[in-house]
Amino acid sequence: MLEIGAGSGYQTAVLAELGAEVYALELVEALVAPAKARLDALGYGARVDLRCGDGSLGWPERAPFSAILAAAAAPEVPAALKEQLAVGGRLVLPVGDWVQELVVIRREVDGRFSQESLMPVRFVPMLGAVAGADA
């Protein structure tokens, strides 16, 4: 699975503990090395590949993903993330600026996408290309 916004690595560790092979992206370079060290020290290093990068662009070299989870709100669903979703896969992310909704996007067997809104939420904004800023 792909995790967007790894931060300290806490959610990354939870996902690995649940059995996921996690490809995690964190935009803030200063957070990457400490998170990697923490994950290695906890024994999750073999299940986690963490790098600094713009989560709104995904990780095309590792795609497709059966699951993508974002911990930051995009103003709109990044096209790159939908493109990197495997058939049958799910993308869960908050969408919106001030008013945000947690949505689940599924890539159906026929290649179309379905979207379900789960609930209103409040996350930090996603930065990078999706926000019109350089990564």
Protein backbone atom coordinates (compact mmCIF):
# COMPACT_ATOMS: atom_id res chain seq x y z
CA MET A 1 0.00 0.00 0.00
CA LEU A 2 0.96 3.63 -0.39
CA GLU A 3 0.90 5.97 2.58
CA ILE A 4 0.93 9.72 1.97
CA GLY A 5 2.26 11.83 4.84
CA ALA A 6 4.29 9.41 6.94
CA GLY A 7 5.30 12.06 9.49
CA SER A 8 6.85 10.38 12.54
CA GLY A 9 6.14 6.91 11.17
CA TYR A 10 3.42 6.04 13.70
CA GLN A 11 0.70 5.21 11.17
CA THR A 12 3.32 3.52 8.99
CA ALA A 13 4.17 1.18 11.89
CA VAL A 14 0.48 0.45 12.51
CA LEU A 15 -0.03 -0.42 8.85
CA ALA A 16 3.04 -2.68 8.85
CA GLU A 17 1.87 -4.33 12.07
CA LEU A 18 -1.44 -5.09 10.35
CA GLY A 19 0.53 -6.95 7.68
CA ALA A 20 0.80 -4.35 4.92
CA GLU A 21 3.88 -3.85 2.80
CA VAL A 22 4.06 -0.06 3.04
CA TYR A 23 5.53 2.43 0.61
CA ALA A 24 5.44 5.70 2.54
CA LEU A 25 6.04 9.23 1.33
CA GLU A 26 6.79 12.26 3.49
CA LEU A 27 7.24 15.72 1.97
CA VAL A 28 9.14 17.22 4.94
CA GLU A 29 12.68 15.97 4.48
CA ALA A 30 13.67 16.56 8.13
CA LEU A 31 11.07 13.98 9.24
CA VAL A 32 12.21 11.15 6.95
CA ALA A 33 15.51 10.04 8.57
CA PRO A 34 14.13 9.98 12.14
CA ALA A 35 11.03 8.08 10.99
CA LYS A 36 13.19 5.54 9.12
CA ALA A 37 15.41 5.06 12.18
CA ARG A 38 12.37 4.64 14.42
CA LEU A 39 10.74 2.10 12.10
CA ASP A 40 14.00 0.14 11.79
CA ALA A 41 14.49 0.14 15.58
CA LEU A 42 10.95 -1.20 16.04
CA GLY A 43 11.57 -3.99 13.52
CA TYR A 44 9.38 -2.69 10.69
CA GLY A 45 12.20 -1.84 8.28
CA ALA A 46 11.70 -4.97 6.15
CA ARG A 47 8.02 -4.13 5.53
CA VAL A 48 8.43 -0.39 4.96
CA ASP A 49 10.04 1.65 2.21
CA LEU A 50 10.00 5.34 3.24
CA ARG A 51 11.28 8.22 1.16
CA CYS A 52 10.99 11.97 0.87
CA GLY A 53 8.61 12.92 -1.91
CA ASP A 54 5.48 14.71 -3.03
CA GLY A 55 2.62 12.46 -1.99
CA SER A 56 0.19 14.09 -4.40
CA LEU A 57 2.27 12.59 -7.23
CA GLY A 58 2.28 9.14 -5.65
CA TRP A 59 5.07 6.65 -6.29
CA PRO A 60 4.64 5.54 -9.93
CA GLU A 61 7.65 3.18 -9.84
CA ARG A 62 5.90 1.05 -7.19
CA ALA A 63 2.36 1.25 -8.58
CA PRO A 64 -0.21 -0.14 -8.80
CA PHE A 65 -1.33 -0.10 -5.16
CA SER A 66 -4.19 -2.09 -3.69
CA ALA A 67 -4.62 0.67 -1.11
CA ILE A 68 -3.60 4.32 -0.84
CA LEU A 69 -4.08 6.25 2.41
CA ALA A 70 -3.47 9.98 2.80
CA ALA A 71 -3.00 11.84 6.08
CA ALA A 72 -3.36 15.30 4.53
CA ALA A 73 -6.28 16.96 2.75
CA ALA A 74 -6.02 17.59 -0.97
CA PRO A 75 -8.10 20.40 -2.48
CA GLU A 76 -9.16 17.84 -5.08
CA VAL A 77 -8.41 14.17 -5.66
CA PRO A 78 -4.93 13.99 -7.23
CA ALA A 79 -5.19 12.33 -10.65
CA ALA A 80 -1.83 10.59 -10.12
CA LEU A 81 -3.19 8.73 -7.10
CA LYS A 82 -6.22 7.48 -9.00
CA GLU A 83 -3.98 6.36 -11.88
CA GLN A 84 -1.77 4.39 -9.45
CA LEU A 85 -4.68 2.54 -7.87
CA ALA A 86 -4.95 -1.15 -8.77
CA VAL A 87 -8.22 -2.57 -10.05
CA GLY A 88 -10.24 -3.38 -6.96
CA GLY A 89 -8.11 -1.02 -4.88
CA ARG A 90 -9.20 1.75 -2.53
CA LEU A 91 -7.94 5.28 -2.06
CA VAL A 92 -8.87 6.92 1.26
CA LEU A 93 -8.18 10.61 1.68
CA PRO A 94 -9.60 13.84 3.01
CA VAL A 95 -10.67 16.23 0.25
CA GLY A 96 -11.34 19.95 0.52
CA ASP A 97 -9.90 23.18 1.80
CA TRP A 98 -11.68 24.56 4.85
CA VAL A 99 -14.61 22.15 4.54
CA GLN A 100 -13.27 18.62 4.12
CA GLU A 101 -14.81 15.20 3.57
CA LEU A 102 -13.15 11.84 4.08
CA VAL A 103 -13.73 9.94 0.85
CA VAL A 104 -13.13 6.41 -0.37
CA ILE A 105 -12.47 5.97 -4.07
CA ARG A 106 -12.57 2.48 -5.55
CA ARG A 107 -11.24 1.39 -8.91
CA GLU A 108 -13.88 -0.94 -10.25
CA VAL A 109 -13.23 -4.05 -12.35
CA ASP A 110 -14.26 -2.16 -15.50
CA GLY A 111 -11.66 0.55 -14.74
CA ARG A 112 -14.19 3.19 -13.69
CA PHE A 113 -13.96 4.89 -10.32
CA SER A 114 -16.64 5.07 -7.65
CA GLN A 115 -16.53 7.55 -4.79
CA GLU A 116 -18.17 7.46 -1.39
CA SER A 117 -18.15 10.28 1.16
CA LEU A 118 -17.75 8.96 4.71
CA MET A 119 -17.81 11.97 7.03
CA PRO A 120 -16.66 15.54 7.55
CA VAL A 121 -13.07 15.77 8.81
CA ARG A 122 -10.31 18.28 9.48
CA PHE A 123 -6.75 17.44 8.33
CA VAL A 124 -3.67 19.51 7.57
CA PRO A 125 -3.51 20.57 3.92
CA MET A 126 -1.64 18.44 1.40
CA LEU A 127 1.28 20.36 -0.03
CA GLY A 128 3.22 19.88 -3.24
CA ALA A 129 1.96 19.74 -6.80
CA VAL A 130 -1.69 19.31 -5.84
CA ALA A 131 -1.55 22.61 -3.95
CA GLY A 132 0.17 24.38 -6.84
CA ALA A 133 3.50 24.51 -4.96
CA ASP A 134 6.85 22.94 -5.63
CA ALA A 135 7.64 19.83 -3.61
